[in-house]
Amino acid sequence: MESARAEAERYREELNKLKESEGLLNKIPVNITGDSRYEAFQLINERDELQKATEGKEAALITPITDRITEINNRLKTIS
């Protein structure tokens, strides 16, 4: 019975990952295609994870992370 619960939980986690991926793809304009679309997807995913990691943290202590977020945003501008 426990393995069925664990399996159900894994399915839920995978479904959530798919929904998150779909949400990320919806953030990318349709005119961005191919490798650029894939790169944008990866960058947006990384940026969103970094932003989550910095929530509620002291700004002075997360400068390297905020610098990386700025780098990502600048790269996304060049992709578009």
PDB file of N, CA and C in Angstrom:
ATOM      1  N   MET A   1       0.825  -1.200   0.000  1.00  0.00           N
ATOM      2  CA  MET A   1       0.000   0.000   0.000  1.00  0.00           C
ATOM      3  C   MET A   1       0.865   1.259   0.000  1.00  0.00           C
ATOM      4  N   GLU A   2       1.960   1.201   0.748  1.00  0.00           N
ATOM      5  CA  GLU A   2       2.848   2.365   0.813  1.00  0.00           C
ATOM      6  C   GLU A   2       3.470   2.675  -0.542  1.00  0.00           C
ATOM      7  N   SER A   3       3.819   1.635  -1.285  1.00  0.00           N
ATOM      8  CA  SER A   3       4.423   1.871  -2.598  1.00  0.00           C
ATOM      9  C   SER A   3       3.429   2.524  -3.552  1.00  0.00           C
ATOM     10  N   ALA A   4       2.159   2.208  -3.418  1.00  0.00           N
ATOM     11  CA  ALA A   4       1.135   2.848  -4.249  1.00  0.00           C
ATOM     12  C   ALA A   4       1.046   4.336  -3.922  1.00  0.00           C
ATOM     13  N   ARG A   5       1.166   4.679  -2.658  1.00  0.00           N
ATOM     14  CA  ARG A   5       1.148   6.094  -2.255  1.00  0.00           C
ATOM     15  C   ARG A   5       2.374   6.818  -2.792  1.00  0.00           C
ATOM     16  N   ALA A   6       3.523   6.158  -2.689  1.00  0.00           N
ATOM     17  CA  ALA A   6       4.755   6.763  -3.192  1.00  0.00           C
ATOM     18  C   ALA A   6       4.674   6.964  -4.703  1.00  0.00           C
ATOM     19  N   GLU A   7       4.117   5.982  -5.390  1.00  0.00           N
ATOM     20  CA  GLU A   7       3.968   6.091  -6.837  1.00  0.00           C
ATOM     21  C   GLU A   7       3.005   7.223  -7.196  1.00  0.00           C
ATOM     22  N   ALA A   8       1.917   7.339  -6.479  1.00  0.00           N
ATOM     23  CA  ALA A   8       0.957   8.414  -6.718  1.00  0.00           C
ATOM     24  C   ALA A   8       1.609   9.777  -6.482  1.00  0.00           C
ATOM     25  N   GLU A   9       2.431   9.862  -5.460  1.00  0.00           N
ATOM     26  CA  GLU A   9       3.129  11.119  -5.167  1.00  0.00           C
ATOM     27  C   GLU A   9       4.105  11.463  -6.292  1.00  0.00           C
ATOM     28  N   ARG A  10       4.812  10.472  -6.807  1.00  0.00           N
ATOM     29  CA  ARG A  10       5.727  10.708  -7.932  1.00  0.00           C
ATOM     30  C   ARG A  10       4.961  11.211  -9.154  1.00  0.00           C
ATOM     31  N   TYR A  11       3.806  10.625  -9.417  1.00  0.00           N
ATOM     32  CA  TYR A  11       2.986  11.074 -10.541  1.00  0.00           C
ATOM     33  C   TYR A  11       2.542  12.520 -10.348  1.00  0.00           C
ATOM     34  N   ARG A  12       2.144  12.862  -9.128  1.00  0.00           N
ATOM     35  CA  ARG A  12       1.738  14.243  -8.841  1.00  0.00           C
ATOM     36  C   ARG A  12       2.895  15.211  -9.064  1.00  0.00           C
ATOM     37  N   GLU A  13       4.081  14.819  -8.615  1.00  0.00           N
ATOM     38  CA  GLU A  13       5.258  15.668  -8.800  1.00  0.00           C
ATOM     39  C   GLU A  13       5.571  15.858 -10.279  1.00  0.00           C
ATOM     40  N   GLU A  14       5.484  14.791 -11.048  1.00  0.00           N
ATOM     41  CA  GLU A  14       5.743  14.881 -12.486  1.00  0.00           C
ATOM     42  C   GLU A  14       4.698  15.755 -13.173  1.00  0.00           C
ATOM     43  N   LEU A  15       3.451  15.617 -12.769  1.00  0.00           N
ATOM     44  CA  LEU A  15       2.392  16.441 -13.333  1.00  0.00           C
ATOM     45  C   LEU A  15       2.634  17.909 -13.021  1.00  0.00           C
ATOM     46  N   ASN A  16       3.045  18.203 -11.798  1.00  0.00           N
ATOM     47  CA  ASN A  16       3.349  19.587 -11.426  1.00  0.00           C
ATOM     48  C   ASN A  16       4.502  20.138 -12.254  1.00  0.00           C
ATOM     49  N   LYS A  17       5.530  19.324 -12.498  1.00  0.00           N
ATOM     50  CA  LYS A  17       6.660  19.759 -13.320  1.00  0.00           C
ATOM     51  C   LYS A  17       6.198  20.069 -14.742  1.00  0.00           C
ATOM     52  N   LEU A  18       5.320  19.227 -15.274  1.00  0.00           N
ATOM     53  CA  LEU A  18       4.798  19.468 -16.620  1.00  0.00           C
ATOM     54  C   LEU A  18       3.997  20.763 -16.681  1.00  0.00           C
ATOM     55  N   LYS A  19       3.197  21.011 -15.658  1.00  0.00           N
ATOM     56  CA  LYS A  19       2.410  22.246 -15.616  1.00  0.00           C
ATOM     57  C   LYS A  19       3.320  23.463 -15.521  1.00  0.00           C
ATOM     58  N   GLU A  20       4.379  23.359 -14.727  1.00  0.00           N
ATOM     59  CA  GLU A  20       5.337  24.459 -14.619  1.00  0.00           C
ATOM     60  C   GLU A  20       6.022  24.705 -15.957  1.00  0.00           C
ATOM     61  N   SER A  21       6.385  23.639 -16.645  1.00  0.00           N
ATOM     62  CA  SER A  21       7.029  23.769 -17.952  1.00  0.00           C
ATOM     63  C   SER A  21       6.092  24.431 -18.953  1.00  0.00           C
ATOM     64  N   GLU A  22       4.841  24.040 -18.915  1.00  0.00           N
ATOM     65  CA  GLU A  22       3.856  24.647 -19.807  1.00  0.00           C
ATOM     66  C   GLU A  22       3.729  26.134 -19.509  1.00  0.00           C
ATOM     67  N   GLY A  23       3.717  26.488 -18.231  1.00  0.00           N
ATOM     68  CA  GLY A  23       3.645  27.894 -17.847  1.00  0.00           C
ATOM     69  C   GLY A  23       4.847  28.678 -18.345  1.00  0.00           C
ATOM     70  N   LEU A  24       6.030  28.069 -18.261  1.00  0.00           N
ATOM     71  CA  LEU A  24       7.236  28.729 -18.767  1.00  0.00           C
ATOM     72  C   LEU A  24       7.156  28.925 -20.274  1.00  0.00           C
ATOM     73  N   LEU A  25       6.706  27.912 -20.980  1.00  0.00           N
ATOM     74  CA  LEU A  25       6.594  28.026 -22.436  1.00  0.00           C
ATOM     75  C   LEU A  25       5.613  29.115 -22.833  1.00  0.00           C
ATOM     76  N   ASN A  26       4.566  29.295 -22.051  1.00  0.00           N
ATOM     77  CA  ASN A  26       3.581  30.328 -22.347  1.00  0.00           C
ATOM     78  C   ASN A  26       4.146  31.731 -22.158  1.00  0.00           C
ATOM     79  N   LYS A  27       5.246  31.860 -21.426  1.00  0.00           N
ATOM     80  CA  LYS A  27       5.890  33.160 -21.230  1.00  0.00           C
ATOM     81  C   LYS A  27       6.713  33.581 -22.450  1.00  0.00           C
ATOM     82  N   ILE A  28       6.985  32.642 -23.346  1.00  0.00           N
ATOM     83  CA  ILE A  28       7.848  32.913 -24.497  1.00  0.00           C
ATOM     84  C   ILE A  28       6.971  33.231 -25.710  1.00  0.00           C
ATOM     85  N   PRO A  29       7.188  34.392 -26.338  1.00  0.00           N
ATOM     86  CA  PRO A  29       6.395  34.740 -27.521  1.00  0.00           C
ATOM     87  C   PRO A  29       6.553  33.697 -28.630  1.00  0.00           C
ATOM     88  N   VAL A  30       5.507  33.518 -29.418  1.00  0.00           N
ATOM     89  CA  VAL A  30       5.511  32.489 -30.457  1.00  0.00           C
ATOM     90  C   VAL A  30       6.504  32.784 -31.576  1.00  0.00           C
ATOM     91  N   ASN A  31       6.910  34.041 -31.730  1.00  0.00           N
ATOM     92  CA  ASN A  31       7.859  34.367 -32.793  1.00  0.00           C
ATOM     93  C   ASN A  31       9.289  33.930 -32.459  1.00  0.00           C
ATOM     94  N   ILE A  32       9.528  33.517 -31.230  1.00  0.00           N
ATOM     95  CA  ILE A  32      10.836  32.988 -30.844  1.00  0.00           C
ATOM     96  C   ILE A  32      10.761  31.475 -31.011  1.00  0.00           C
ATOM     97  N   THR A  33      11.602  30.949 -31.887  1.00  0.00           N
ATOM     98  CA  THR A  33      11.512  29.529 -32.236  1.00  0.00           C
ATOM     99  C   THR A  33      12.871  28.837 -32.130  1.00  0.00           C
ATOM    100  N   GLY A  34      12.844  27.530 -32.282  1.00  0.00           N
ATOM    101  CA  GLY A  34      14.054  26.721 -32.368  1.00  0.00           C
ATOM    102  C   GLY A  34      14.956  26.820 -31.152  1.00  0.00           C
ATOM    103  N   ASP A  35      16.256  26.947 -31.436  1.00  0.00           N
ATOM    104  CA  ASP A  35      17.249  26.998 -30.366  1.00  0.00           C
ATOM    105  C   ASP A  35      17.041  28.196 -29.449  1.00  0.00           C
ATOM    106  N   SER A  36      16.587  29.308 -30.023  1.00  0.00           N
ATOM    107  CA  SER A  36      16.340  30.502 -29.209  1.00  0.00           C
ATOM    108  C   SER A  36      15.226  30.252 -28.203  1.00  0.00           C
ATOM    109  N   ARG A  37      14.203  29.544 -28.638  1.00  0.00           N
ATOM    110  CA  ARG A  37      13.091  29.224 -27.737  1.00  0.00           C
ATOM    111  C   ARG A  37      13.574  28.317 -26.608  1.00  0.00           C
ATOM    112  N   TYR A  38      14.401  27.333 -26.939  1.00  0.00           N
ATOM    113  CA  TYR A  38      14.936  26.419 -25.933  1.00  0.00           C
ATOM    114  C   TYR A  38      15.816  27.175 -24.936  1.00  0.00           C
ATOM    115  N   GLU A  39      16.670  28.057 -25.451  1.00  0.00           N
ATOM    116  CA  GLU A  39      17.533  28.841 -24.563  1.00  0.00           C
ATOM    117  C   GLU A  39      16.702  29.744 -23.656  1.00  0.00           C
ATOM    118  N   ALA A  40      15.687  30.389 -24.222  1.00  0.00           N
ATOM    119  CA  ALA A  40      14.820  31.253 -23.424  1.00  0.00           C
ATOM    120  C   ALA A  40      14.124  30.448 -22.333  1.00  0.00           C
ATOM    121  N   PHE A  41      13.664  29.259 -22.671  1.00  0.00           N
ATOM    122  CA  PHE A  41      13.014  28.388 -21.692  1.00  0.00           C
ATOM    123  C   PHE A  41      13.955  28.089 -20.538  1.00  0.00           C
ATOM    124  N   GLN A  42      15.185  27.706 -20.860  1.00  0.00           N
ATOM    125  CA  GLN A  42      16.161  27.385 -19.815  1.00  0.00           C
ATOM    126  C   GLN A  42      16.469  28.601 -18.943  1.00  0.00           C
ATOM    127  N   LEU A  43      16.647  29.752 -19.579  1.00  0.00           N
ATOM    128  CA  LEU A  43      16.975  30.962 -18.825  1.00  0.00           C
ATOM    129  C   LEU A  43      15.830  31.394 -17.915  1.00  0.00           C
ATOM    130  N   ILE A  44      14.618  31.348 -18.427  1.00  0.00           N
ATOM    131  CA  ILE A  44      13.461  31.728 -17.610  1.00  0.00           C
ATOM    132  C   ILE A  44      13.314  30.773 -16.441  1.00  0.00           C
ATOM    133  N   ASN A  45      13.521  29.497 -16.684  1.00  0.00           N
ATOM    134  CA  ASN A  45      13.443  28.509 -15.613  1.00  0.00           C
ATOM    135  C   ASN A  45      14.493  28.802 -14.538  1.00  0.00           C
ATOM    136  N   GLU A  46      15.728  29.051 -14.962  1.00  0.00           N
ATOM    137  CA  GLU A  46      16.793  29.360 -13.998  1.00  0.00           C
ATOM    138  C   GLU A  46      16.466  30.630 -13.218  1.00  0.00           C
ATOM    139  N   ARG A  47      16.023  31.667 -13.928  1.00  0.00           N
ATOM    140  CA  ARG A  47      15.693  32.931 -13.267  1.00  0.00           C
ATOM    141  C   ARG A  47      14.584  32.752 -12.238  1.00  0.00           C
ATOM    142  N   ASP A  48      13.548  32.017 -12.608  1.00  0.00           N
ATOM    143  CA  ASP A  48      12.440  31.807 -11.676  1.00  0.00           C
ATOM    144  C   ASP A  48      12.898  31.064 -10.427  1.00  0.00           C
ATOM    145  N   GLU A  49      13.766  30.067 -10.602  1.00  0.00           N
ATOM    146  CA  GLU A  49      14.297  29.325  -9.448  1.00  0.00           C
ATOM    147  C   GLU A  49      15.141  30.235  -8.559  1.00  0.00           C
ATOM    148  N   LEU A  50      15.968  31.074  -9.177  1.00  0.00           N
ATOM    149  CA  LEU A  50      16.786  32.007  -8.402  1.00  0.00           C
ATOM    150  C   LEU A  50      15.916  33.007  -7.646  1.00  0.00           C
ATOM    151  N   GLN A  51      14.872  33.493  -8.299  1.00  0.00           N
ATOM    152  CA  GLN A  51      13.978  34.439  -7.635  1.00  0.00           C
ATOM    153  C   GLN A  51      13.285  33.799  -6.436  1.00  0.00           C
ATOM    154  N   LYS A  52      12.873  32.550  -6.579  1.00  0.00           N
ATOM    155  CA  LYS A  52      12.264  31.840  -5.450  1.00  0.00           C
ATOM    156  C   LYS A  52      13.254  31.705  -4.302  1.00  0.00           C
ATOM    157  N   ALA A  53      14.514  31.430  -4.641  1.00  0.00           N
ATOM    158  CA  ALA A  53      15.545  31.231  -3.618  1.00  0.00           C
ATOM    159  C   ALA A  53      15.872  32.515  -2.869  1.00  0.00           C
ATOM    160  N   THR A  54      15.588  33.662  -3.463  1.00  0.00           N
ATOM    161  CA  THR A  54      15.933  34.930  -2.823  1.00  0.00           C
ATOM    162  C   THR A  54      14.780  35.554  -2.048  1.00  0.00           C
ATOM    163  N   GLU A  55      13.595  34.997  -2.169  1.00  0.00           N
ATOM    164  CA  GLU A  55      12.435  35.566  -1.477  1.00  0.00           C
ATOM    165  C   GLU A  55      12.672  35.608   0.024  1.00  0.00           C
ATOM    166  N   GLY A  56      12.505  36.799   0.589  1.00  0.00           N
ATOM    167  CA  GLY A  56      12.635  36.965   2.028  1.00  0.00           C
ATOM    168  C   GLY A  56      14.065  37.030   2.527  1.00  0.00           C
ATOM    169  N   LYS A  57      15.028  37.060   1.615  1.00  0.00           N
ATOM    170  CA  LYS A  57      16.434  37.097   2.012  1.00  0.00           C
ATOM    171  C   LYS A  57      16.940  38.539   2.016  1.00  0.00           C
ATOM    172  N   GLU A  58      17.940  38.802   2.814  1.00  0.00           N
ATOM    173  CA  GLU A  58      18.575  40.116   2.896  1.00  0.00           C
ATOM    174  C   GLU A  58      19.242  40.439   1.560  1.00  0.00           C
ATOM    175  N   ALA A  59      18.863  41.560   0.966  1.00  0.00           N
ATOM    176  CA  ALA A  59      19.346  41.932  -0.366  1.00  0.00           C
ATOM    177  C   ALA A  59      20.870  42.031  -0.436  1.00  0.00           C
ATOM    178  N   ALA A  60      21.487  42.534   0.600  1.00  0.00           N
ATOM    179  CA  ALA A  60      22.945  42.696   0.588  1.00  0.00           C
ATOM    180  C   ALA A  60      23.675  41.358   0.563  1.00  0.00           C
ATOM    181  N   LEU A  61      23.007  40.304   0.966  1.00  0.00           N
ATOM    182  CA  LEU A  61      23.650  38.996   1.045  1.00  0.00           C
ATOM    183  C   LEU A  61      23.425  38.120  -0.185  1.00  0.00           C
ATOM    184  N   ILE A  62      22.611  38.602  -1.093  1.00  0.00           N
ATOM    185  CA  ILE A  62      22.304  37.791  -2.277  1.00  0.00           C
ATOM    186  C   ILE A  62      22.735  38.476  -3.570  1.00  0.00           C
ATOM    187  N   THR A  63      23.704  39.362  -3.469  1.00  0.00           N
ATOM    188  CA  THR A  63      24.167  40.106  -4.641  1.00  0.00           C
ATOM    189  C   THR A  63      24.583  39.201  -5.798  1.00  0.00           C
ATOM    190  N   PRO A  64      25.329  38.121  -5.572  1.00  0.00           N
ATOM    191  CA  PRO A  64      25.688  37.264  -6.715  1.00  0.00           C
ATOM    192  C   PRO A  64      24.461  36.686  -7.427  1.00  0.00           C
ATOM    193  N   ILE A  65      23.438  36.391  -6.664  1.00  0.00           N
ATOM    194  CA  ILE A  65      22.220  35.835  -7.263  1.00  0.00           C
ATOM    195  C   ILE A  65      21.490  36.905  -8.061  1.00  0.00           C
ATOM    196  N   THR A  66      21.368  38.103  -7.486  1.00  0.00           N
ATOM    197  CA  THR A  66      20.682  39.170  -8.216  1.00  0.00           C
ATOM    198  C   THR A  66      21.477  39.584  -9.452  1.00  0.00           C
ATOM    199  N   ASP A  67      22.805  39.504  -9.367  1.00  0.00           N
ATOM    200  CA  ASP A  67      23.627  39.776 -10.552  1.00  0.00           C
ATOM    201  C   ASP A  67      23.343  38.753 -11.651  1.00  0.00           C
ATOM    202  N   ARG A  68      23.204  37.501 -11.274  1.00  0.00           N
ATOM    203  CA  ARG A  68      22.902  36.453 -12.262  1.00  0.00           C
ATOM    204  C   ARG A  68      21.522  36.672 -12.871  1.00  0.00           C
ATOM    205  N   ILE A  69      20.559  37.080 -12.064  1.00  0.00           N
ATOM    206  CA  ILE A  69      19.220  37.371 -12.582  1.00  0.00           C
ATOM    207  C   ILE A  69      19.292  38.495 -13.610  1.00  0.00           C
ATOM    208  N   THR A  70      20.090  39.515 -13.326  1.00  0.00           N
ATOM    209  CA  THR A  70      20.276  40.617 -14.275  1.00  0.00           C
ATOM    210  C   THR A  70      20.912  40.116 -15.566  1.00  0.00           C
ATOM    211  N   GLU A  71      21.919  39.253 -15.460  1.00  0.00           N
ATOM    212  CA  GLU A  71      22.551  38.663 -16.647  1.00  0.00           C
ATOM    213  C   GLU A  71      21.527  37.900 -17.484  1.00  0.00           C
ATOM    214  N   ILE A  72      20.698  37.136 -16.814  1.00  0.00           N
ATOM    215  CA  ILE A  72      19.671  36.361 -17.518  1.00  0.00           C
ATOM    216  C   ILE A  72      18.718  37.294 -18.245  1.00  0.00           C
ATOM    217  N   ASN A  73      18.250  38.328 -17.555  1.00  0.00           N
ATOM    218  CA  ASN A  73      17.321  39.270 -18.179  1.00  0.00           C
ATOM    219  C   ASN A  73      17.952  39.957 -19.385  1.00  0.00           C
ATOM    220  N   ASN A  74      19.228  40.315 -19.274  1.00  0.00           N
ATOM    221  CA  ASN A  74      19.914  40.937 -20.407  1.00  0.00           C
ATOM    222  C   ASN A  74      20.022  39.971 -21.582  1.00  0.00           C
ATOM    223  N   ARG A  75      20.303  38.711 -21.311  1.00  0.00           N
ATOM    224  CA  ARG A  75      20.384  37.718 -22.386  1.00  0.00           C
ATOM    225  C   ARG A  75      19.019  37.513 -23.036  1.00  0.00           C
ATOM    226  N   LEU A  76      17.970  37.488 -22.222  1.00  0.00           N
ATOM    227  CA  LEU A  76      16.621  37.337 -22.778  1.00  0.00           C
ATOM    228  C   LEU A  76      16.280  38.500 -23.704  1.00  0.00           C
ATOM    229  N   LYS A  77      16.748  39.694 -23.373  1.00  0.00           N
ATOM    230  CA  LYS A  77      16.505  40.853 -24.242  1.00  0.00           C
ATOM    231  C   LYS A  77      17.164  40.663 -25.603  1.00  0.00           C
ATOM    232  N   THR A  78      18.352  40.050 -25.621  1.00  0.00           N
ATOM    233  CA  THR A  78      19.035  39.861 -26.903  1.00  0.00           C
ATOM    234  C   THR A  78      18.400  38.742 -27.723  1.00  0.00           C
ATOM    235  N   ILE A  79      17.770  37.803 -27.061  1.00  0.00           N
ATOM    236  CA  ILE A  79      17.081  36.724 -27.777  1.00  0.00           C
ATOM    237  C   ILE A  79      15.866  37.268 -28.510  1.00  0.00           C
ATOM    238  N   SER A  80      15.161  38.191 -27.881  1.00  0.00           N
ATOM    239  CA  SER A  80      13.948  38.734 -28.492  1.00  0.00           C
ATOM    240  C   SER A  80      14.314  39.694 -29.593  1.00  0.00           C
TER     241      SER A  80
END
